[in-house]
Amino acid sequence: MRAKGLTAGDQEFARLLRPISKRVILVVNKADAQRHDAVLGDFAELGFSSMMTLSASHGRRTSQLLDALKSTGGRPSAGTTRSRRKKKVRVSIVGRPNVGKSSLTNRLVGEERMIVSPVPGTTRDTIDTRLIWKDKKFLLIDTAGLRAKKSKADDLEGLTRLMTERALERCEVALLLVDAAEGLTEGDVAVGRLIDEKRRACVVGVNKWDLVTDRAPNAAYFRDRTPEGMPFLAHSPVVFISAKTGHHVEELLSALEKTKHEFHHRFDNEELTAFFWKAVQERPYSYRDGKWFSTARFRRLLPPRFYSAFELGAGGSSLFF
């Protein structure tokens, strides 16, 4: 909303958001100076308890907005979240600025949903788009580009990172988009590390493949360089695509769907126990006071985490990892 005053469009949006008013922060933009803060009273009739003024262009109060967003609660129930997981593949499209994230979304949905520009940073918000491909439902979350390094004083970059982190928390599979013409950069590694920190499955999409003439050595470079430069994504599939021409976009959707199923794959306890003891036999643990690990139990949750419990010898104490 703008500091120029309340409009009919503002009232209509407020009506749509009123059922979830406890999770809404009303932000009046373009309040470049303190004298503009008085306009906030005009918006009180919309009925939202959390309101503030700011100026996005001048960076005024954007840090306060970050704090307000961090403190906003109200997540869906576990049952609702599980049912949504089964219905669609939730994908966050992440990467550096200007690698073609919005162009790819437009290509996948077959229309110009996103503004595309050669100027880095054109996309500032996360935007949800629904797609049906071969009777499979996808939720595509287009995000703003992340830079490898940012100033701590840059509130806008901080907000961009926070929104990308939240987009990753909502998804099952992250699509890390990189530029085929530029190779794997420090910025790509930084975004990949964020995906790993959020414990999300990942597919690496090498975009702008139509610009590459000598494809065989370049494909080998990305397949070899990805595990070396980003060992935390060593097992992520790599798909070479072109958002401009549509090259391999169906292969990309197939990889995203398959990776989603792998993300939800559950191992039974016998499989995990057998795997663990095979590893112990190959590289035995040292023992203490004549006691060895005797039992192991595992449990897997989403995001993937492994919990194991061990007992040291007969009647020994238990260890939990």
C-alpha atoms as a PDB file:
ATOM      1  CA  MET A   1       0.000   0.000   0.000  1.00  0.00           C
ATOM      2  CA  ARG A   2       1.181   3.544  -0.710  1.00  0.00           C
ATOM      3  CA  ALA A   3       1.413   6.576   1.550  1.00  0.00           C
ATOM      4  CA  LYS A   4      -0.747   8.572  -0.877  1.00  0.00           C
ATOM      5  CA  GLY A   5      -3.840   7.205   0.846  1.00  0.00           C
ATOM      6  CA  LEU A   6      -6.333   4.360   1.010  1.00  0.00           C
ATOM      7  CA  THR A   7      -7.753   3.160  -2.318  1.00  0.00           C
ATOM      8  CA  ALA A   8     -10.558   0.832  -3.356  1.00  0.00           C
ATOM      9  CA  GLY A   9      -7.948  -1.721  -4.406  1.00  0.00           C
ATOM     10  CA  ASP A  10      -6.410  -1.637  -0.930  1.00  0.00           C
ATOM     11  CA  GLN A  11      -9.817  -2.281   0.618  1.00  0.00           C
ATOM     12  CA  GLU A  12     -10.425  -5.243  -1.688  1.00  0.00           C
ATOM     13  CA  PHE A  13      -7.078  -6.856  -0.811  1.00  0.00           C
ATOM     14  CA  ALA A  14      -7.741  -6.252   2.868  1.00  0.00           C
ATOM     15  CA  ARG A  15     -11.085  -8.028   2.564  1.00  0.00           C
ATOM     16  CA  LEU A  16      -9.353 -11.099   1.108  1.00  0.00           C
ATOM     17  CA  LEU A  17      -6.757 -11.134   3.884  1.00  0.00           C
ATOM     18  CA  ARG A  18      -9.107 -10.504   6.805  1.00  0.00           C
ATOM     19  CA  PRO A  19      -9.648 -14.260   7.558  1.00  0.00           C
ATOM     20  CA  ILE A  20      -5.928 -14.530   8.351  1.00  0.00           C
ATOM     21  CA  SER A  21      -5.549 -11.061   9.885  1.00  0.00           C
ATOM     22  CA  LYS A  22      -3.406 -12.344  12.762  1.00  0.00           C
ATOM     23  CA  ARG A  23      -0.696 -13.263  10.247  1.00  0.00           C
ATOM     24  CA  VAL A  24      -0.876  -9.986   8.270  1.00  0.00           C
ATOM     25  CA  ILE A  25       1.468  -7.019   8.591  1.00  0.00           C
ATOM     26  CA  LEU A  26       0.015  -3.927   6.905  1.00  0.00           C
ATOM     27  CA  VAL A  27       2.900  -1.963   5.377  1.00  0.00           C
ATOM     28  CA  VAL A  28       2.396   1.522   3.941  1.00  0.00           C
ATOM     29  CA  ASN A  29       5.205   2.179   1.472  1.00  0.00           C
ATOM     30  CA  LYS A  30       6.649   5.441   0.090  1.00  0.00           C
ATOM     31  CA  ALA A  31       6.658   7.112   3.514  1.00  0.00           C
ATOM     32  CA  ASP A  32      10.007   8.744   2.770  1.00  0.00           C
ATOM     33  CA  ALA A  33       9.983  11.081   5.804  1.00  0.00           C
ATOM     34  CA  GLN A  34       8.497  11.177   9.279  1.00  0.00           C
ATOM     35  CA  ARG A  35       5.818  13.649   8.208  1.00  0.00           C
ATOM     36  CA  HIS A  36       4.318  10.925   6.016  1.00  0.00           C
ATOM     37  CA  ASP A  37       3.701   8.613   8.987  1.00  0.00           C
ATOM     38  CA  ALA A  38       0.408  10.367   9.812  1.00  0.00           C
ATOM     39  CA  VAL A  39      -1.193   8.680   6.801  1.00  0.00           C
ATOM     40  CA  LEU A  40      -1.148   5.399   8.752  1.00  0.00           C
ATOM     41  CA  GLY A  41      -4.329   6.504  10.505  1.00  0.00           C
ATOM     42  CA  ASP A  42      -6.218   6.340   7.202  1.00  0.00           C
ATOM     43  CA  PHE A  43      -5.478   2.610   7.002  1.00  0.00           C
ATOM     44  CA  ALA A  44      -6.635   1.776  10.535  1.00  0.00           C
ATOM     45  CA  GLU A  45     -10.171   1.138   9.272  1.00  0.00           C
ATOM     46  CA  LEU A  46      -8.893  -1.968   7.460  1.00  0.00           C
ATOM     47  CA  GLY A  47      -8.789  -3.711  10.825  1.00  0.00           C
ATOM     48  CA  PHE A  48      -5.216  -5.029  10.997  1.00  0.00           C
ATOM     49  CA  SER A  49      -3.493  -4.798  14.373  1.00  0.00           C
ATOM     50  CA  SER A  50       0.062  -4.838  12.972  1.00  0.00           C
ATOM     51  CA  MET A  51       0.797  -1.758  10.850  1.00  0.00           C
ATOM     52  CA  MET A  52       3.882   0.250   9.922  1.00  0.00           C
ATOM     53  CA  THR A  53       5.169   2.785   7.420  1.00  0.00           C
ATOM     54  CA  LEU A  54       8.415   2.512   5.461  1.00  0.00           C
ATOM     55  CA  SER A  55      10.217   3.565   2.319  1.00  0.00           C
ATOM     56  CA  ALA A  56      11.590   0.728   0.209  1.00  0.00           C
ATOM     57  CA  SER A  57      13.512   3.071  -2.088  1.00  0.00           C
ATOM     58  CA  HIS A  58      15.252   4.863   0.808  1.00  0.00           C
ATOM     59  CA  GLY A  59      15.581   1.830   3.088  1.00  0.00           C
ATOM     60  CA  ARG A  60      13.626   3.568   5.845  1.00  0.00           C
ATOM     61  CA  ARG A  61      12.405   1.099   8.501  1.00  0.00           C
ATOM     62  CA  THR A  62      13.153  -1.969   6.390  1.00  0.00           C
ATOM     63  CA  SER A  63      15.130  -3.433   9.281  1.00  0.00           C
ATOM     64  CA  GLN A  64      12.036  -3.091  11.503  1.00  0.00           C
ATOM     65  CA  LEU A  65      10.059  -4.941   8.849  1.00  0.00           C
ATOM     66  CA  LEU A  66      12.625  -7.754   8.938  1.00  0.00           C
ATOM     67  CA  ASP A  67      12.199  -8.045  12.700  1.00  0.00           C
ATOM     68  CA  ALA A  68       8.410  -8.085  12.333  1.00  0.00           C
ATOM     69  CA  LEU A  69       8.554 -10.812   9.691  1.00  0.00           C
ATOM     70  CA  LYS A  70      10.836 -12.963  11.845  1.00  0.00           C
ATOM     71  CA  SER A  71       8.408 -12.782  14.750  1.00  0.00           C
ATOM     72  CA  THR A  72       5.338 -13.623  12.659  1.00  0.00           C
ATOM     73  CA  GLY A  73       4.055 -17.106  13.559  1.00  0.00           C
ATOM     74  CA  GLY A  74       1.113 -19.179  12.460  1.00  0.00           C
ATOM     75  CA  ARG A  75       2.295 -22.195  10.505  1.00  0.00           C
ATOM     76  CA  PRO A  76      -0.067 -24.789   9.016  1.00  0.00           C
ATOM     77  CA  SER A  77      -0.797 -27.856  11.130  1.00  0.00           C
ATOM     78  CA  ALA A  78       1.314 -30.976  10.600  1.00  0.00           C
ATOM     79  CA  GLY A  79      -1.659 -32.861   9.147  1.00  0.00           C
ATOM     80  CA  THR A  80      -2.382 -30.107   6.628  1.00  0.00           C
ATOM     81  CA  THR A  81       1.282 -29.946   5.639  1.00  0.00           C
ATOM     82  CA  ARG A  82       1.507 -33.721   5.055  1.00  0.00           C
ATOM     83  CA  SER A  83      -1.627 -33.739   2.872  1.00  0.00           C
ATOM     84  CA  ARG A  84      -0.269 -30.884   0.761  1.00  0.00           C
ATOM     85  CA  ARG A  85       3.035 -32.709   0.295  1.00  0.00           C
ATOM     86  CA  LYS A  86       1.257 -35.663  -1.254  1.00  0.00           C
ATOM     87  CA  LYS A  87      -0.756 -33.528  -3.667  1.00  0.00           C
ATOM     88  CA  LYS A  88       1.965 -31.465  -5.335  1.00  0.00           C
ATOM     89  CA  VAL A  89       5.678 -31.097  -5.899  1.00  0.00           C
ATOM     90  CA  ARG A  90       6.753 -27.895  -4.133  1.00  0.00           C
ATOM     91  CA  VAL A  91       9.779 -26.341  -5.834  1.00  0.00           C
ATOM     92  CA  SER A  92      11.716 -23.195  -4.894  1.00  0.00           C
ATOM     93  CA  ILE A  93      13.658 -21.768  -7.823  1.00  0.00           C
ATOM     94  CA  VAL A  94      16.785 -20.170  -6.377  1.00  0.00           C
ATOM     95  CA  GLY A  95      20.052 -18.796  -7.691  1.00  0.00           C
ATOM     96  CA  ARG A  96      22.129 -15.703  -8.301  1.00  0.00           C
ATOM     97  CA  PRO A  97      20.586 -12.606  -9.914  1.00  0.00           C
ATOM     98  CA  ASN A  98      19.948 -12.799 -13.655  1.00  0.00           C
ATOM     99  CA  VAL A  99      20.441 -16.540 -14.177  1.00  0.00           C
ATOM    100  CA  GLY A 100      16.955 -16.866 -15.694  1.00  0.00           C
ATOM    101  CA  LYS A 101      14.696 -17.889 -12.802  1.00  0.00           C
ATOM    102  CA  SER A 102      11.721 -15.786 -13.921  1.00  0.00           C
ATOM    103  CA  SER A 103      12.274 -16.698 -17.573  1.00  0.00           C
ATOM    104  CA  LEU A 104      12.162 -20.384 -16.649  1.00  0.00           C
ATOM    105  CA  THR A 105       8.918 -19.941 -14.702  1.00  0.00           C
ATOM    106  CA  ASN A 106       7.367 -18.172 -17.701  1.00  0.00           C
ATOM    107  CA  ARG A 107       8.517 -20.996 -19.989  1.00  0.00           C
ATOM    108  CA  LEU A 108       7.093 -23.699 -17.709  1.00  0.00           C
ATOM    109  CA  VAL A 109       3.657 -22.108 -17.340  1.00  0.00           C
ATOM    110  CA  GLY A 110       3.506 -20.962 -20.970  1.00  0.00           C
ATOM    111  CA  GLU A 111       2.803 -17.310 -20.263  1.00  0.00           C
ATOM    112  CA  GLU A 112       4.526 -14.108 -19.142  1.00  0.00           C
ATOM    113  CA  ARG A 113       3.789 -14.337 -15.432  1.00  0.00           C
ATOM    114  CA  MET A 114       7.081 -12.731 -14.343  1.00  0.00           C
ATOM    115  CA  ILE A 115       8.814  -9.535 -15.411  1.00  0.00           C
ATOM    116  CA  VAL A 116      12.012 -10.473 -17.244  1.00  0.00           C
ATOM    117  CA  SER A 117      14.868  -7.973 -17.554  1.00  0.00           C
ATOM    118  CA  PRO A 118      18.633  -8.134 -18.127  1.00  0.00           C
ATOM    119  CA  VAL A 119      19.005  -5.899 -15.061  1.00  0.00           C
ATOM    120  CA  PRO A 120      19.909  -8.060 -12.031  1.00  0.00           C
ATOM    121  CA  GLY A 121      17.487  -7.789  -9.137  1.00  0.00           C
ATOM    122  CA  THR A 122      14.295  -7.256 -11.150  1.00  0.00           C
ATOM    123  CA  THR A 123      12.469  -9.863  -9.040  1.00  0.00           C
ATOM    124  CA  ARG A 124      12.257  -8.786  -5.380  1.00  0.00           C
ATOM    125  CA  ASP A 125       9.371 -10.901  -4.060  1.00  0.00           C
ATOM    126  CA  THR A 126       8.734 -14.623  -3.902  1.00  0.00           C
ATOM    127  CA  ILE A 127       5.936 -15.492  -6.326  1.00  0.00           C
ATOM    128  CA  ASP A 128       3.914 -18.732  -6.300  1.00  0.00           C
ATOM    129  CA  THR A 129       2.808 -20.298  -9.578  1.00  0.00           C
ATOM    130  CA  ARG A 130       0.838 -23.520  -9.989  1.00  0.00           C
ATOM    131  CA  LEU A 131       1.568 -25.903 -12.848  1.00  0.00           C
ATOM    132  CA  ILE A 132       0.068 -29.206 -13.995  1.00  0.00           C
ATOM    133  CA  TRP A 133       2.311 -31.424 -16.133  1.00  0.00           C
ATOM    134  CA  LYS A 134       1.250 -34.952 -17.107  1.00  0.00           C
ATOM    135  CA  ASP A 135      -1.385 -34.932 -14.366  1.00  0.00           C
ATOM    136  CA  LYS A 136       1.280 -34.015 -11.812  1.00  0.00           C
ATOM    137  CA  LYS A 137       0.802 -30.839  -9.774  1.00  0.00           C
ATOM    138  CA  PHE A 138       3.696 -28.482  -9.136  1.00  0.00           C
ATOM    139  CA  LEU A 139       3.973 -25.378  -7.004  1.00  0.00           C
ATOM    140  CA  LEU A 140       6.775 -23.187  -8.361  1.00  0.00           C
ATOM    141  CA  ILE A 141       8.136 -20.540  -5.979  1.00  0.00           C
ATOM    142  CA  ASP A 142      10.151 -17.944  -7.901  1.00  0.00           C
ATOM    143  CA  THR A 143      12.603 -16.075  -5.677  1.00  0.00           C
ATOM    144  CA  ALA A 144      14.802 -13.006  -5.902  1.00  0.00           C
ATOM    145  CA  GLY A 145      18.457 -13.474  -6.799  1.00  0.00           C
ATOM    146  CA  LEU A 146      20.930 -13.919  -3.947  1.00  0.00           C
ATOM    147  CA  ARG A 147      24.394 -12.430  -3.981  1.00  0.00           C
ATOM    148  CA  ALA A 148      27.398 -14.229  -2.522  1.00  0.00           C
ATOM    149  CA  LYS A 149      28.381 -11.294  -0.348  1.00  0.00           C
ATOM    150  CA  LYS A 150      26.314  -8.481   1.065  1.00  0.00           C
ATOM    151  CA  SER A 151      26.808  -5.596   3.424  1.00  0.00           C
ATOM    152  CA  LYS A 152      25.295  -6.086   6.855  1.00  0.00           C
ATOM    153  CA  ALA A 153      23.818  -2.617   6.467  1.00  0.00           C
ATOM    154  CA  ASP A 154      22.025  -3.560   3.263  1.00  0.00           C
ATOM    155  CA  ASP A 155      18.529  -4.119   4.622  1.00  0.00           C
ATOM    156  CA  LEU A 156      17.050  -4.860   1.196  1.00  0.00           C
ATOM    157  CA  GLU A 157      19.508  -7.714   0.620  1.00  0.00           C
ATOM    158  CA  GLY A 158      18.762  -8.991   4.106  1.00  0.00           C
ATOM    159  CA  LEU A 159      15.049  -9.020   3.341  1.00  0.00           C
ATOM    160  CA  THR A 160      15.717 -10.838   0.067  1.00  0.00           C
ATOM    161  CA  ARG A 161      17.696 -13.525   1.880  1.00  0.00           C
ATOM    162  CA  LEU A 162      15.027 -13.931   4.550  1.00  0.00           C
ATOM    163  CA  MET A 163      12.298 -14.377   1.922  1.00  0.00           C
ATOM    164  CA  THR A 164      14.431 -16.927   0.067  1.00  0.00           C
ATOM    165  CA  GLU A 165      15.030 -18.853   3.295  1.00  0.00           C
ATOM    166  CA  ARG A 166      11.284 -18.962   3.921  1.00  0.00           C
ATOM    167  CA  ALA A 167      10.686 -20.124   0.340  1.00  0.00           C
ATOM    168  CA  LEU A 168      13.151 -22.981   0.929  1.00  0.00           C
ATOM    169  CA  GLU A 169      11.379 -23.917   4.157  1.00  0.00           C
ATOM    170  CA  ARG A 170       8.114 -24.224   2.217  1.00  0.00           C
ATOM    171  CA  CYS A 171       9.480 -26.443  -0.529  1.00  0.00           C
ATOM    172  CA  GLU A 172      10.551 -30.066  -0.833  1.00  0.00           C
ATOM    173  CA  VAL A 173      12.942 -29.621  -3.754  1.00  0.00           C
ATOM    174  CA  ALA A 174      15.159 -26.620  -4.473  1.00  0.00           C
ATOM    175  CA  LEU A 175      15.993 -25.931  -8.104  1.00  0.00           C
ATOM    176  CA  LEU A 176      19.432 -24.305  -8.087  1.00  0.00           C
ATOM    177  CA  LEU A 177      19.697 -22.420 -11.360  1.00  0.00           C
ATOM    178  CA  VAL A 178      23.174 -21.568 -12.686  1.00  0.00           C
ATOM    179  CA  ASP A 179      24.386 -19.810 -15.842  1.00  0.00           C
ATOM    180  CA  ALA A 180      25.959 -22.131 -18.423  1.00  0.00           C
ATOM    181  CA  ALA A 181      27.957 -19.274 -19.935  1.00  0.00           C
ATOM    182  CA  GLU A 182      29.540 -18.228 -16.629  1.00  0.00           C
ATOM    183  CA  GLY A 183      30.284 -21.618 -15.109  1.00  0.00           C
ATOM    184  CA  LEU A 184      29.998 -22.431 -11.424  1.00  0.00           C
ATOM    185  CA  THR A 185      30.691 -19.260  -9.417  1.00  0.00           C
ATOM    186  CA  GLU A 186      31.182 -18.317  -5.784  1.00  0.00           C
ATOM    187  CA  GLY A 187      27.613 -17.038  -5.762  1.00  0.00           C
ATOM    188  CA  ASP A 188      26.274 -20.413  -6.910  1.00  0.00           C
ATOM    189  CA  VAL A 189      28.185 -22.149  -4.126  1.00  0.00           C
ATOM    190  CA  ALA A 190      26.746 -19.713  -1.552  1.00  0.00           C
ATOM    191  CA  VAL A 191      23.180 -20.462  -2.670  1.00  0.00           C
ATOM    192  CA  GLY A 192      23.921 -24.187  -2.710  1.00  0.00           C
ATOM    193  CA  ARG A 193      25.215 -23.970   0.846  1.00  0.00           C
ATOM    194  CA  LEU A 194      21.949 -22.299   1.901  1.00  0.00           C
ATOM    195  CA  ILE A 195      19.979 -25.179   0.358  1.00  0.00           C
ATOM    196  CA  ASP A 196      22.115 -27.618   2.327  1.00  0.00           C
ATOM    197  CA  GLU A 197      21.595 -25.641   5.554  1.00  0.00           C
ATOM    198  CA  LYS A 198      17.821 -25.870   5.050  1.00  0.00           C
ATOM    199  CA  ARG A 199      18.164 -29.646   4.383  1.00  0.00           C
ATOM    200  CA  ARG A 200      16.258 -29.606   1.134  1.00  0.00           C
ATOM    201  CA  ALA A 201      16.571 -31.945  -1.829  1.00  0.00           C
ATOM    202  CA  CYS A 202      18.143 -30.254  -4.840  1.00  0.00           C
ATOM    203  CA  VAL A 203      18.234 -30.362  -8.623  1.00  0.00           C
ATOM    204  CA  VAL A 204      20.897 -28.280 -10.393  1.00  0.00           C
ATOM    205  CA  GLY A 205      19.578 -26.629 -13.553  1.00  0.00           C
ATOM    206  CA  VAL A 206      22.256 -25.350 -15.941  1.00  0.00           C
ATOM    207  CA  ASN A 207      20.364 -22.621 -17.833  1.00  0.00           C
ATOM    208  CA  LYS A 208      21.197 -20.804 -21.090  1.00  0.00           C
ATOM    209  CA  TRP A 209      22.421 -24.079 -22.605  1.00  0.00           C
ATOM    210  CA  ASP A 210      21.434 -22.705 -26.033  1.00  0.00           C
ATOM    211  CA  LEU A 211      24.410 -20.317 -25.802  1.00  0.00           C
ATOM    212  CA  VAL A 212      26.912 -23.170 -25.425  1.00  0.00           C
ATOM    213  CA  THR A 213      28.490 -24.376 -28.669  1.00  0.00           C
ATOM    214  CA  ASP A 214      30.908 -27.054 -27.459  1.00  0.00           C
ATOM    215  CA  ARG A 215      28.479 -28.948 -25.247  1.00  0.00           C
ATOM    216  CA  ALA A 216      30.266 -32.213 -24.438  1.00  0.00           C
ATOM    217  CA  PRO A 217      33.223 -30.720 -22.494  1.00  0.00           C
ATOM    218  CA  ASN A 218      30.946 -28.138 -20.864  1.00  0.00           C
ATOM    219  CA  ALA A 219      28.545 -30.844 -19.685  1.00  0.00           C
ATOM    220  CA  ALA A 220      31.501 -32.784 -18.269  1.00  0.00           C
ATOM    221  CA  TYR A 221      32.702 -29.611 -16.526  1.00  0.00           C
ATOM    222  CA  PHE A 222      29.410 -29.085 -14.706  1.00  0.00           C
ATOM    223  CA  ARG A 223      28.989 -32.769 -13.813  1.00  0.00           C
ATOM    224  CA  ASP A 224      32.517 -32.883 -12.391  1.00  0.00           C
ATOM    225  CA  ARG A 225      32.648 -29.377 -10.939  1.00  0.00           C
ATOM    226  CA  THR A 226      29.344 -29.572  -9.033  1.00  0.00           C
ATOM    227  CA  PRO A 227      30.502 -32.366  -6.647  1.00  0.00           C
ATOM    228  CA  GLU A 228      33.926 -30.695  -6.291  1.00  0.00           C
ATOM    229  CA  GLY A 229      32.715 -27.135  -5.734  1.00  0.00           C
ATOM    230  CA  MET A 230      29.593 -28.125  -3.783  1.00  0.00           C
ATOM    231  CA  PRO A 231      30.269 -31.492  -2.129  1.00  0.00           C
ATOM    232  CA  PHE A 232      27.093 -31.052  -0.081  1.00  0.00           C
ATOM    233  CA  LEU A 233      25.141 -31.335  -3.365  1.00  0.00           C
ATOM    234  CA  ALA A 234      27.277 -34.132  -4.819  1.00  0.00           C
ATOM    235  CA  HIS A 235      24.290 -36.435  -5.403  1.00  0.00           C
ATOM    236  CA  SER A 236      21.997 -33.800  -6.915  1.00  0.00           C
ATOM    237  CA  PRO A 237      20.975 -34.452 -10.529  1.00  0.00           C
ATOM    238  CA  VAL A 238      22.238 -31.940 -13.113  1.00  0.00           C
ATOM    239  CA  VAL A 239      19.919 -30.994 -16.006  1.00  0.00           C
ATOM    240  CA  PHE A 240      20.997 -28.800 -18.937  1.00  0.00           C
ATOM    241  CA  ILE A 241      18.177 -26.529 -20.010  1.00  0.00           C
ATOM    242  CA  SER A 242      17.269 -23.379 -21.897  1.00  0.00           C
ATOM    243  CA  ALA A 243      14.441 -21.231 -20.571  1.00  0.00           C
ATOM    244  CA  LYS A 244      14.565 -19.294 -23.839  1.00  0.00           C
ATOM    245  CA  THR A 245      14.051 -22.257 -26.210  1.00  0.00           C
ATOM    246  CA  GLY A 246      12.431 -24.794 -23.862  1.00  0.00           C
ATOM    247  CA  HIS A 247      15.306 -27.263 -24.277  1.00  0.00           C
ATOM    248  CA  HIS A 248      14.999 -30.132 -21.752  1.00  0.00           C
ATOM    249  CA  VAL A 249      12.334 -28.430 -19.599  1.00  0.00           C
ATOM    250  CA  GLU A 250      10.321 -31.672 -19.515  1.00  0.00           C
ATOM    251  CA  GLU A 251      13.428 -33.555 -18.391  1.00  0.00           C
ATOM    252  CA  LEU A 252      13.782 -30.940 -15.658  1.00  0.00           C
ATOM    253  CA  LEU A 253      10.199 -31.463 -14.421  1.00  0.00           C
ATOM    254  CA  SER A 254      10.767 -35.220 -14.441  1.00  0.00           C
ATOM    255  CA  ALA A 255      13.947 -34.800 -12.367  1.00  0.00           C
ATOM    256  CA  LEU A 256      12.107 -32.556  -9.891  1.00  0.00           C
ATOM    257  CA  GLU A 257       9.316 -35.097  -9.463  1.00  0.00           C
ATOM    258  CA  LYS A 258      11.744 -37.996  -9.010  1.00  0.00           C
ATOM    259  CA  THR A 259      13.805 -36.025  -6.490  1.00  0.00           C
ATOM    260  CA  LYS A 260      10.655 -35.223  -4.524  1.00  0.00           C
ATOM    261  CA  HIS A 261       9.895 -38.943  -4.209  1.00  0.00           C
ATOM    262  CA  GLU A 262      13.471 -39.583  -3.072  1.00  0.00           C
ATOM    263  CA  PHE A 263      13.063 -36.836  -0.483  1.00  0.00           C
ATOM    264  CA  HIS A 264      10.087 -38.693   1.021  1.00  0.00           C
ATOM    265  CA  HIS A 265      11.590 -42.166   0.702  1.00  0.00           C
ATOM    266  CA  ARG A 266      11.494 -44.100   3.947  1.00  0.00           C
ATOM    267  CA  PHE A 267      13.951 -46.832   4.861  1.00  0.00           C
ATOM    268  CA  ASP A 268      12.850 -49.552   7.215  1.00  0.00           C
ATOM    269  CA  ASN A 269      14.808 -50.165  10.374  1.00  0.00           C
ATOM    270  CA  GLU A 270      16.396 -53.396   9.106  1.00  0.00           C
ATOM    271  CA  GLU A 271      17.834 -51.679   6.029  1.00  0.00           C
ATOM    272  CA  LEU A 272      19.385 -48.886   8.071  1.00  0.00           C
ATOM    273  CA  THR A 273      20.749 -51.218  10.731  1.00  0.00           C
ATOM    274  CA  ALA A 274      22.351 -53.480   8.092  1.00  0.00           C
ATOM    275  CA  PHE A 275      23.870 -50.443   6.367  1.00  0.00           C
ATOM    276  CA  PHE A 276      25.281 -49.118   9.642  1.00  0.00           C
ATOM    277  CA  TRP A 277      26.846 -52.386  10.731  1.00  0.00           C
ATOM    278  CA  LYS A 278      28.404 -52.903   7.339  1.00  0.00           C
ATOM    279  CA  ALA A 279      30.056 -49.487   7.725  1.00  0.00           C
ATOM    280  CA  VAL A 280      31.232 -50.400  11.239  1.00  0.00           C
ATOM    281  CA  GLN A 281      32.792 -53.625   9.963  1.00  0.00           C
ATOM    282  CA  GLU A 282      34.643 -51.763   7.220  1.00  0.00           C
ATOM    283  CA  ARG A 283      35.886 -49.062   9.629  1.00  0.00           C
ATOM    284  CA  PRO A 284      35.487 -50.414  13.173  1.00  0.00           C
ATOM    285  CA  TYR A 285      34.976 -48.059  16.084  1.00  0.00           C
ATOM    286  CA  SER A 286      37.525 -48.253  18.886  1.00  0.00           C
ATOM    287  CA  TYR A 287      36.167 -49.786  22.054  1.00  0.00           C
ATOM    288  CA  ARG A 288      36.594 -48.939  25.695  1.00  0.00           C
ATOM    289  CA  ASP A 289      36.751 -51.194  28.738  1.00  0.00           C
ATOM    290  CA  GLY A 290      36.048 -54.191  26.535  1.00  0.00           C
ATOM    291  CA  LYS A 291      32.640 -52.853  25.451  1.00  0.00           C
ATOM    292  CA  TRP A 292      31.434 -52.667  21.844  1.00  0.00           C
ATOM    293  CA  PHE A 293      28.386 -51.166  20.261  1.00  0.00           C
ATOM    294  CA  SER A 294      25.751 -53.893  20.411  1.00  0.00           C
ATOM    295  CA  THR A 295      22.450 -52.504  19.104  1.00  0.00           C
ATOM    296  CA  ALA A 296      21.315 -49.692  16.851  1.00  0.00           C
ATOM    297  CA  ARG A 297      17.929 -48.181  16.095  1.00  0.00           C
ATOM    298  CA  PHE A 298      17.164 -45.499  13.534  1.00  0.00           C
ATOM    299  CA  ARG A 299      14.381 -43.112  12.692  1.00  0.00           C
ATOM    300  CA  ARG A 300      14.106 -40.794   9.693  1.00  0.00           C
ATOM    301  CA  LEU A 301      12.183 -37.505   9.619  1.00  0.00           C
ATOM    302  CA  LEU A 302      11.616 -34.696   7.130  1.00  0.00           C
ATOM    303  CA  PRO A 303      13.776 -32.767   6.457  1.00  0.00           C
ATOM    304  CA  PRO A 304      16.065 -35.824   6.439  1.00  0.00           C
ATOM    305  CA  ARG A 305      17.599 -36.451   9.862  1.00  0.00           C
ATOM    306  CA  PHE A 306      18.846 -39.734  11.255  1.00  0.00           C
ATOM    307  CA  TYR A 307      18.532 -40.590  14.917  1.00  0.00           C
ATOM    308  CA  SER A 308      20.404 -43.567  16.278  1.00  0.00           C
ATOM    309  CA  ALA A 309      20.725 -45.184  19.693  1.00  0.00           C
ATOM    310  CA  PHE A 310      23.518 -47.516  20.813  1.00  0.00           C
ATOM    311  CA  GLU A 311      24.201 -49.642  23.839  1.00  0.00           C
ATOM    312  CA  LEU A 312      27.743 -50.339  24.969  1.00  0.00           C
ATOM    313  CA  GLY A 313      27.985 -54.054  25.684  1.00  0.00           C
ATOM    314  CA  ALA A 314      25.604 -56.107  27.782  1.00  0.00           C
ATOM    315  CA  GLY A 315      23.932 -53.873  30.317  1.00  0.00           C
ATOM    316  CA  GLY A 316      26.034 -50.915  29.174  1.00  0.00           C
ATOM    317  CA  SER A 317      24.912 -47.300  29.016  1.00  0.00           C
ATOM    318  CA  SER A 318      23.051 -45.939  25.969  1.00  0.00           C
ATOM    319  CA  LEU A 319      24.300 -43.284  23.577  1.00  0.00           C
ATOM    320  CA  PHE A 320      22.027 -41.186  21.372  1.00  0.00           C
ATOM    321  CA  PHE A 321      23.039 -39.345  18.208  1.00  0.00           C
END
